Protein backbone atom coordinates (compact mmCIF):
# COMPACT_ATOMS: atom_id res chain seq x y z
CA MET A 1 9.43 10.00 -7.73
CA ASN A 2 11.93 8.42 -10.05
CA THR A 3 12.22 4.80 -11.17
CA LYS A 4 14.96 3.91 -8.65
CA SER A 5 12.96 5.33 -5.69
CA MET A 6 9.76 3.54 -6.88
CA LEU A 7 11.57 0.22 -6.97
CA GLN A 8 13.38 0.84 -3.66
CA LEU A 9 10.16 1.94 -1.94
CA ALA A 10 8.35 -1.19 -3.37
CA ALA A 11 11.16 -3.38 -1.88
CA ILE A 12 10.95 -1.60 1.47
CA PHE A 13 7.09 -1.87 1.53
CA GLY A 14 7.38 -5.54 0.57
CA ALA A 15 9.78 -6.33 3.36
CA LEU A 16 7.66 -4.43 5.86
CA ALA A 17 4.57 -6.34 4.73
CA VAL A 18 6.26 -9.69 5.49
CA ILE A 19 7.60 -8.35 8.82
CA PHE A 20 4.15 -6.90 9.87
CA GLY A 21 2.42 -10.09 8.80
CA ALA A 22 4.76 -12.30 10.68
CA PHE A 23 4.79 -10.06 13.72
CA GLY A 24 0.95 -10.03 13.69
CA ALA A 25 0.71 -13.78 13.27
CA HIS A 26 3.10 -14.58 16.08
CA ALA A 27 3.80 -11.78 18.61
CA LEU A 28 0.53 -9.85 18.32
CA GLU A 29 -1.87 -12.71 17.84
CA PRO A 30 -2.99 -12.90 21.53
CA LEU A 31 -3.72 -9.14 21.54
CA LEU A 32 -5.43 -9.24 18.13
CA VAL A 33 -7.67 -12.19 19.14
CA LYS A 34 -8.47 -10.54 22.51
CA THR A 35 -9.47 -7.26 20.89
CA GLY A 36 -11.22 -8.95 17.98
CA ARG A 37 -8.96 -7.11 15.45
CA ILE A 38 -7.22 -10.08 13.83
CA ASP A 39 -9.23 -9.68 10.60
CA THR A 40 -8.60 -5.92 10.51
CA TYR A 41 -4.84 -6.49 10.94
CA GLN A 42 -4.85 -9.16 8.25
CA THR A 43 -6.73 -6.73 5.87
CA ALA A 44 -3.97 -4.18 6.53
CA VAL A 45 -1.22 -6.68 5.73
CA ASP A 46 -3.07 -7.91 2.52
CA TYR A 47 -3.56 -4.46 1.09
CA HIS A 48 -0.01 -3.48 2.08
CA PHE A 49 1.33 -6.49 0.17
CA TYR A 50 -0.87 -6.08 -2.93
CA HIS A 51 0.05 -2.51 -3.28
CA SER A 52 3.79 -3.12 -2.65
CA LEU A 53 3.64 -5.41 -5.71
CA ALA A 54 1.60 -2.84 -7.61
CA LEU A 55 4.27 -0.20 -6.83
CA LEU A 56 6.92 -2.66 -8.02
CA MET A 57 4.97 -3.15 -11.28
CA VAL A 58 4.59 0.60 -11.80
CA GLY A 59 8.33 1.11 -11.25
CA ILE A 60 9.17 -1.46 -13.81
CA LEU A 61 6.64 0.03 -16.32
CA TYR A 62 8.06 3.42 -15.76
CA GLN A 63 11.57 2.22 -16.20
CA GLN A 64 10.57 0.95 -19.64
CA ASN A 65 8.29 3.85 -20.50
CA PRO A 66 9.62 7.05 -18.85
CA GLN A 67 7.42 9.11 -21.22
CA LEU A 68 4.34 7.89 -19.27
CA LYS A 69 4.46 10.53 -16.57
CA GLY A 70 1.20 9.43 -14.99
CA LEU A 71 2.97 6.39 -13.69
CA ARG A 72 4.74 8.67 -11.29
CA LEU A 73 1.44 9.82 -9.97
CA SER A 74 0.24 6.24 -9.76
CA ALA A 75 3.27 5.46 -7.60
CA TRP A 76 2.59 8.29 -5.31
CA PHE A 77 -1.01 7.28 -4.84
CA PHE A 78 -0.08 3.61 -4.18
CA SER A 79 2.60 4.72 -1.70
CA GLY A 80 0.24 7.14 0.13
CA GLY A 81 -2.44 4.42 0.13
CA VAL A 82 -0.16 1.92 1.89
CA ILE A 83 0.89 4.42 4.48
CA VAL A 84 -2.65 5.77 5.16
CA PHE A 85 -4.84 2.71 4.64
CA SER A 86 -2.56 0.02 6.10
CA GLY A 87 -0.82 2.34 8.52
CA SER A 88 -4.17 3.52 10.01
CA LEU A 89 -5.35 -0.05 10.38
CA TYR A 90 -2.02 -1.16 12.01
CA LEU A 91 -2.32 1.71 14.45
CA LEU A 92 -6.03 1.05 15.06
CA CYS A 93 -5.26 -2.59 15.94
CA LEU A 94 -2.39 -1.73 18.28
CA SER A 95 -3.83 1.35 19.99
CA GLN A 96 -7.56 0.69 19.87
CA VAL A 97 -8.00 4.33 18.98
CA THR A 98 -11.16 3.87 16.91
CA TRP A 99 -11.18 7.27 15.14
CA LEU A 100 -8.18 6.03 13.17
CA GLY A 101 -10.71 3.95 11.23
CA ALA A 102 -12.19 7.18 9.92
CA ILE A 103 -9.04 8.00 7.90
CA THR A 104 -8.60 4.52 6.46
CA PRO A 105 -10.90 5.28 3.46
CA LEU A 106 -8.60 8.02 2.38
CA GLY A 107 -5.88 5.42 1.87
CA GLY A 108 -8.49 3.44 -0.04
CA ILE A 109 -9.07 6.36 -2.35
CA GLY A 110 -5.33 6.60 -2.87
CA PHE A 111 -5.29 2.96 -3.99
CA ILE A 112 -8.24 3.61 -6.30
CA LEU A 113 -6.57 6.70 -7.78
CA GLY A 114 -3.33 4.80 -8.24
CA TRP A 115 -5.09 2.14 -10.25
CA ILE A 116 -6.94 4.80 -12.33
CA MET A 117 -3.65 6.59 -13.04
CA LEU A 118 -2.05 3.30 -14.05
CA PHE A 119 -4.99 2.71 -16.48
CA VAL A 120 -4.77 6.20 -17.86
CA SER A 121 -0.99 5.98 -18.31
CA ILE A 122 -1.24 2.70 -20.10
CA SER A 123 -4.06 3.99 -22.30
CA LYS A 124 -1.81 6.80 -23.47
CA LYS A 125 0.95 4.43 -24.56
CA ASN A 126 1.50 4.35 -28.31
CA GLN A 127 -0.82 7.27 -29.01
């Protein structure tokens, strides 16, 4: 993943987080309240948004420090985390297919690895 694709993906993820948040708050609210999944949906939107911003930050850091190759891995982990963590929760809320909750932690692991790779990359700066 290069700088341009990191920044573009962050922008797309950010826009989708706003869209999904608004859609959940308005069009889906009756369904989410009925099924008791409103908190789950909000968690998906929150983590989606946080990690869209994290990906944006990683893209900016990578643009300024292309020698820090671990930032690319961080971007991949954040992207995968958004897709798997938030995506599985969105699908769970909409489909009520409960086994989707079993794959959500894999996205969480992606988020954690993204933050670890960010730490490792920054630690290598100026060595």
